[in-house]
Protein backbone atom coordinates (compact mmCIF):
# COMPACT_ATOMS: atom_id res chain seq x y z
CA UNK A 1 -66.27 19.34 -79.41
CA UNK A 2 -67.25 20.12 -82.92
CA UNK A 3 -69.40 17.72 -85.16
CA UNK A 4 -66.55 17.05 -87.51
CA UNK A 5 -64.34 16.26 -84.69
CA UNK A 6 -66.84 13.78 -83.18
CA UNK A 7 -67.34 11.97 -86.41
CA UNK A 8 -63.58 11.52 -86.78
CA UNK A 9 -63.31 10.34 -83.26
CA UNK A 10 -66.22 7.67 -83.85
CA UNK A 11 -64.57 6.52 -87.05
CA UNK A 12 -61.23 6.21 -85.49
CA UNK A 13 -62.88 4.17 -82.57
CA UNK A 14 -64.49 1.88 -85.12
CA UNK A 15 -61.28 1.28 -86.90
CA UNK A 16 -59.32 0.67 -83.61
CA UNK A 17 -61.85 -1.33 -81.72
CA UNK A 18 -64.18 -2.94 -84.46
CA UNK A 19 -67.27 -1.69 -83.02
CA UNK A 20 -68.87 1.37 -81.34
CA UNK A 21 -70.89 0.90 -78.12
CA UNK A 22 -72.84 4.20 -77.79
CA UNK A 23 -73.30 4.01 -74.02
CA UNK A 24 -69.88 3.34 -73.36
CA UNK A 25 -68.62 6.26 -75.64
CA UNK A 26 -71.09 8.41 -74.18
CA UNK A 27 -69.68 8.02 -70.76
CA UNK A 28 -65.95 8.21 -72.04
CA UNK A 29 -66.31 11.52 -73.86
CA UNK A 30 -69.12 13.18 -71.56
CA UNK A 31 -71.58 13.47 -74.54
CA UNK A 32 -75.11 12.34 -74.61
CA UNK A 33 -76.17 9.15 -76.27
CA UNK A 34 -78.56 11.12 -78.34
CA UNK A 35 -75.61 13.16 -79.79
CA UNK A 36 -73.64 9.99 -80.65
CA UNK A 37 -76.53 8.44 -82.13
CA UNK A 38 -77.28 11.29 -84.25
CA UNK A 39 -73.74 11.40 -85.57
CA UNK A 40 -73.82 7.47 -86.18
CA UNK A 41 -77.05 8.24 -88.33
CA UNK A 42 -75.08 10.72 -90.39
CA UNK A 43 -72.15 8.47 -90.92
CA UNK A 44 -74.34 5.65 -91.85
CA UNK A 45 -76.03 7.76 -94.47
CA UNK A 46 -72.49 8.24 -96.02
CA UNK A 47 -72.04 4.43 -96.11
CA UNK A 48 -69.22 4.77 -93.54
CA UNK A 49 -70.49 2.49 -90.95
CA UNK A 50 -73.58 0.12 -90.18
CA UNK A 51 -75.79 1.04 -87.31
CA UNK A 52 -76.87 -1.73 -84.93
CA UNK A 53 -78.69 -1.78 -81.80
CA UNK A 54 -76.59 0.04 -79.25
CA UNK A 55 -73.87 1.32 -81.57
CA UNK A 56 -72.21 0.45 -84.87
CA UNK A 57 -70.25 -1.92 -86.80
CA UNK A 58 -68.04 -1.55 -89.96
CA UNK A 59 -69.99 -1.32 -93.14
CA UNK A 60 -69.07 -3.97 -95.51
CA UNK A 61 -67.21 -2.76 -98.75
CA UNK A 62 -68.67 -5.99 -100.42
CA UNK A 63 -71.98 -4.25 -101.11
CA UNK A 64 -70.40 -2.51 -104.39
CA UNK A 65 -71.72 -3.71 -107.56
CA UNK A 66 -70.43 -6.98 -109.25
CA UNK A 67 -67.61 -5.32 -111.27
CA UNK A 68 -66.26 -3.28 -108.22
CA UNK A 69 -66.45 -6.35 -106.09
CA UNK A 70 -64.31 -8.49 -108.64
CA UNK A 71 -61.40 -6.21 -107.77
CA UNK A 72 -61.61 -6.72 -103.97
CA UNK A 73 -59.19 -9.28 -102.23
CA UNK A 74 -58.86 -11.40 -105.48
CA UNK A 75 -55.83 -13.66 -103.96
CA UNK A 76 -57.86 -14.35 -100.87
CA UNK A 77 -61.16 -15.27 -102.68
CA UNK A 78 -59.28 -17.44 -105.08
CA UNK A 79 -57.74 -19.42 -102.04
CA UNK A 80 -61.21 -19.59 -100.48
CA UNK A 81 -62.49 -20.78 -103.66
CA UNK A 82 -60.00 -23.61 -104.01
CA UNK A 83 -60.87 -24.88 -100.60
CA UNK A 84 -64.44 -24.81 -101.06
CA UNK A 85 -64.06 -26.63 -104.42
CA UNK A 86 -62.18 -29.40 -102.58
CA UNK A 87 -64.98 -30.09 -100.36
CA UNK A 88 -67.53 -31.25 -103.11
CA UNK A 89 -67.85 -35.05 -103.45
CA UNK A 90 -68.97 -36.90 -106.60
CA UNK A 91 -72.61 -37.15 -107.05
CA UNK A 92 -73.55 -34.37 -104.70
CA UNK A 93 -76.13 -31.68 -105.49
CA UNK A 94 -75.11 -28.16 -104.54
CA UNK A 95 -76.43 -24.69 -104.45
CA UNK A 96 -73.76 -22.12 -105.53
CA UNK A 97 -74.80 -18.50 -104.67
CA UNK A 98 -73.98 -15.43 -106.88
CA UNK A 99 -70.98 -13.27 -106.30
CA UNK A 100 -67.32 -13.05 -107.04
CA UNK A 101 -65.98 -15.56 -104.66
CA UNK A 102 -68.65 -18.06 -105.80
CA UNK A 103 -67.70 -17.42 -109.50
CA UNK A 104 -64.01 -18.37 -108.55
CA UNK A 105 -65.41 -21.54 -106.63
CA UNK A 106 -67.26 -22.57 -109.88
CA UNK A 107 -64.18 -22.08 -112.13
CA UNK A 108 -62.21 -24.40 -109.62
CA UNK A 109 -64.43 -27.33 -109.57
CA UNK A 110 -62.16 -30.28 -110.87
CA UNK A 111 -62.87 -31.32 -114.59
CA UNK A 112 -63.30 -34.85 -113.32
CA UNK A 113 -66.08 -34.06 -110.94
CA UNK A 114 -69.68 -35.48 -111.65
CA UNK A 115 -72.21 -33.28 -109.65
CA UNK A 116 -75.22 -31.16 -110.09
CA UNK A 117 -74.96 -27.31 -109.47
CA UNK A 118 -78.33 -25.41 -108.88
CA UNK A 119 -77.94 -21.63 -109.07
CA UNK A 120 -79.87 -18.48 -109.60
CA UNK A 121 -76.78 -16.80 -111.02
CA UNK A 122 -76.29 -16.56 -114.73
CA UNK A 123 -72.61 -15.78 -114.00
CA UNK A 124 -72.10 -19.10 -112.07
CA UNK A 125 -73.96 -20.97 -114.88
CA UNK A 126 -71.78 -19.44 -117.69
CA UNK A 127 -68.52 -20.14 -115.69
CA UNK A 128 -69.55 -24.00 -115.85
CA UNK A 129 -70.68 -23.88 -119.55
CA UNK A 130 -67.54 -25.87 -120.56
CA UNK A 131 -67.22 -28.19 -117.45
CA UNK A 132 -67.66 -31.74 -119.08
CA UNK A 133 -69.55 -33.53 -116.20
CA UNK A 134 -71.41 -31.13 -114.11
CA UNK A 135 -75.10 -30.73 -114.83
CA UNK A 136 -76.21 -27.00 -114.38
CA UNK A 137 -79.91 -26.18 -113.30
CA UNK A 138 -80.46 -22.32 -113.58
CA UNK A 139 -83.13 -20.98 -111.47
CA UNK A 140 -85.27 -18.20 -112.98
CA UNK A 141 -86.90 -14.87 -111.53
CA UNK A 142 -86.35 -11.14 -111.83
CA UNK A 143 -82.60 -10.28 -112.62
CA UNK A 144 -81.21 -8.05 -109.74
CA UNK A 145 -78.61 -6.47 -112.01
CA UNK A 146 -76.32 -5.28 -109.06
CA UNK A 147 -75.42 -8.87 -108.01
CA UNK A 148 -76.34 -10.58 -111.38
CA UNK A 149 -78.74 -13.00 -109.68
CA UNK A 150 -82.34 -13.98 -109.93
CA UNK A 151 -84.71 -12.87 -107.05
CA UNK A 152 -88.29 -12.86 -106.22
CA UNK A 153 -91.21 -15.15 -105.51
CA UNK A 154 -90.39 -17.42 -108.62
CA UNK A 155 -86.80 -17.83 -107.51
CA UNK A 156 -87.98 -18.76 -103.89
CA UNK A 157 -90.47 -21.28 -105.29
CA UNK A 158 -88.05 -22.95 -107.39
CA UNK A 159 -85.65 -23.22 -104.75
CA UNK A 160 -88.23 -25.05 -102.62
CA UNK A 161 -88.27 -27.84 -105.23
CA UNK A 162 -84.60 -28.84 -104.53
CA UNK A 163 -82.85 -30.56 -101.80
CA UNK A 164 -79.30 -29.94 -101.93
CA UNK A 165 -76.21 -31.47 -99.99
CA UNK A 166 -74.34 -28.36 -99.90
CA UNK A 167 -74.89 -24.56 -100.10
CA UNK A 168 -72.04 -22.29 -100.78
CA UNK A 169 -73.27 -18.77 -99.49
CA UNK A 170 -71.98 -15.34 -100.48
CA UNK A 171 -72.70 -12.65 -97.88
CA UNK A 172 -71.54 -9.06 -97.44
CA UNK A 173 -71.33 -9.14 -93.66
CA UNK A 174 -70.62 -11.76 -91.08
CA UNK A 175 -70.99 -10.66 -87.33
CA UNK A 176 -71.44 -12.89 -84.36
CA UNK A 177 -73.64 -10.19 -83.02
CA UNK A 178 -75.78 -9.27 -86.02
CA UNK A 179 -75.54 -12.48 -88.13
CA UNK A 180 -75.22 -13.14 -91.89
CA UNK A 181 -76.19 -10.06 -93.89
CA UNK A 182 -76.41 -8.72 -97.25
CA UNK A 183 -77.38 -5.30 -98.96
CA UNK A 184 -80.67 -6.25 -100.49
CA UNK A 185 -83.93 -7.37 -98.93
CA UNK A 186 -85.04 -9.79 -101.75
CA UNK A 187 -81.55 -11.34 -101.78
CA UNK A 188 -81.80 -12.08 -98.04
CA UNK A 189 -85.02 -13.96 -98.71
CA UNK A 190 -83.37 -15.89 -101.50
CA UNK A 191 -80.53 -16.95 -99.36
CA UNK A 192 -82.78 -17.92 -96.43
CA UNK A 193 -84.47 -20.16 -98.91
CA UNK A 194 -81.37 -21.74 -99.96
CA UNK A 195 -80.19 -22.42 -96.42
CA UNK A 196 -83.50 -23.98 -95.51
CA UNK A 197 -83.13 -26.50 -98.60
CA UNK A 198 -79.53 -27.50 -97.92
CA UNK A 199 -78.07 -30.13 -95.51
CA UNK A 200 -74.95 -27.99 -95.09
CA UNK A 201 -74.47 -24.27 -95.56
CA UNK A 202 -70.87 -23.16 -95.99
CA UNK A 203 -70.22 -19.29 -95.91
CA UNK A 204 -67.25 -18.14 -98.10
CA UNK A 205 -65.95 -15.57 -95.85
CA UNK A 206 -63.37 -13.21 -97.25
CA UNK A 207 -61.44 -10.83 -94.96
CA UNK A 208 -63.44 -7.69 -95.70
CA UNK A 209 -66.61 -9.32 -94.62
CA UNK A 210 -65.68 -10.58 -91.17
CA UNK A 211 -67.25 -8.47 -88.36
CA UNK A 212 -68.80 -6.27 -90.81
CA UNK A 213 -72.63 -5.69 -91.32
CA UNK A 214 -75.03 -4.88 -94.08
CA UNK A 215 -78.62 -3.70 -93.81
CA UNK A 216 -80.52 -7.02 -94.27
CA UNK A 217 -80.05 -9.98 -92.04
CA UNK A 218 -80.19 -13.41 -93.47
CA UNK A 219 -80.00 -15.61 -90.44
CA UNK A 220 -77.99 -16.05 -87.30
CA UNK A 221 -74.45 -17.28 -87.83
CA UNK A 222 -75.25 -20.22 -85.87
CA UNK A 223 -77.50 -21.66 -88.64
CA UNK A 224 -74.75 -21.99 -90.99
CA UNK A 225 -72.48 -25.18 -90.80
CA UNK A 226 -69.16 -23.36 -91.09
CA UNK A 227 -67.05 -20.70 -92.66
CA UNK A 228 -64.38 -21.06 -95.44
CA UNK A 229 -61.76 -18.35 -94.82
CA UNK A 230 -58.53 -16.84 -96.10
CA UNK A 231 -55.15 -18.80 -95.36
CA UNK A 232 -53.81 -16.16 -93.06
CA UNK A 233 -57.03 -15.67 -90.99
CA UNK A 234 -56.08 -16.10 -87.20
CA UNK A 235 -57.95 -18.05 -84.76
CA UNK A 236 -58.41 -14.83 -82.71
CA UNK A 237 -60.08 -13.32 -85.88
CA UNK A 238 -62.78 -15.83 -85.89
CA UNK A 239 -63.06 -16.67 -82.26
CA UNK A 240 -66.50 -15.03 -81.70
CA UNK A 241 -67.73 -17.08 -84.78
CA UNK A 242 -66.36 -20.53 -83.90
CA UNK A 243 -67.78 -19.95 -80.32
CA UNK A 244 -71.17 -20.14 -81.80
CA UNK A 245 -70.36 -23.60 -83.29
CA UNK A 246 -69.33 -22.76 -86.74
CA UNK A 247 -66.66 -25.07 -88.32
CA UNK A 248 -63.72 -23.47 -89.89
CA UNK A 249 -61.90 -24.29 -93.32
CA UNK A 250 -58.87 -22.37 -94.13
CA UNK A 251 -58.16 -21.79 -97.82
């Protein structure tokens, strides 16, 4: 089998089954695991999949820059945002992550809501400028332009001085096997710090992020409180995640 034929077969398997197990595919195709791993490395370098121990998972399309992500699954993100906004109680302190779904959440917080939003995202802060009753605390640090968020030691230190009731987390990958992941190491550090300082962590999980993986793991899925998913998400689609104890809220 030619190299290009093998790669097409690998991608077809990934689309059909949602993952690649190198040992199983080796036995099925009569190819060495070394050959399959070499092909997986090449496909990962092209951004077509994410290698994990023993095989591969789909690469999340949510690692694109902020402008490109703004065009992904907008109706689904809006439904998730509305459901998340309805979870907030008066007087609560919440962390809101950066990202396009979190931006939609900020825009949907009720005008009568009195609460405090702590964020490392200038985009989230700007979305709340006209909100009459929400106090906004903007955390500083080095601006990571790709995601329009502050990162670095100064950001993590500032997070450590806050105790939040809720953290609405944005990720680029959610996998029962790999965990919650993102495309940048410093962002992963910041998200871990936000989780550690929050009583509850709710992951905003649009469809393209489910069962996908990105290079940098934030935490095991079981460390989050739950997922907020799109209205049409089936129980089967999230069964592996709810089996870990995650609560589920549909948009």
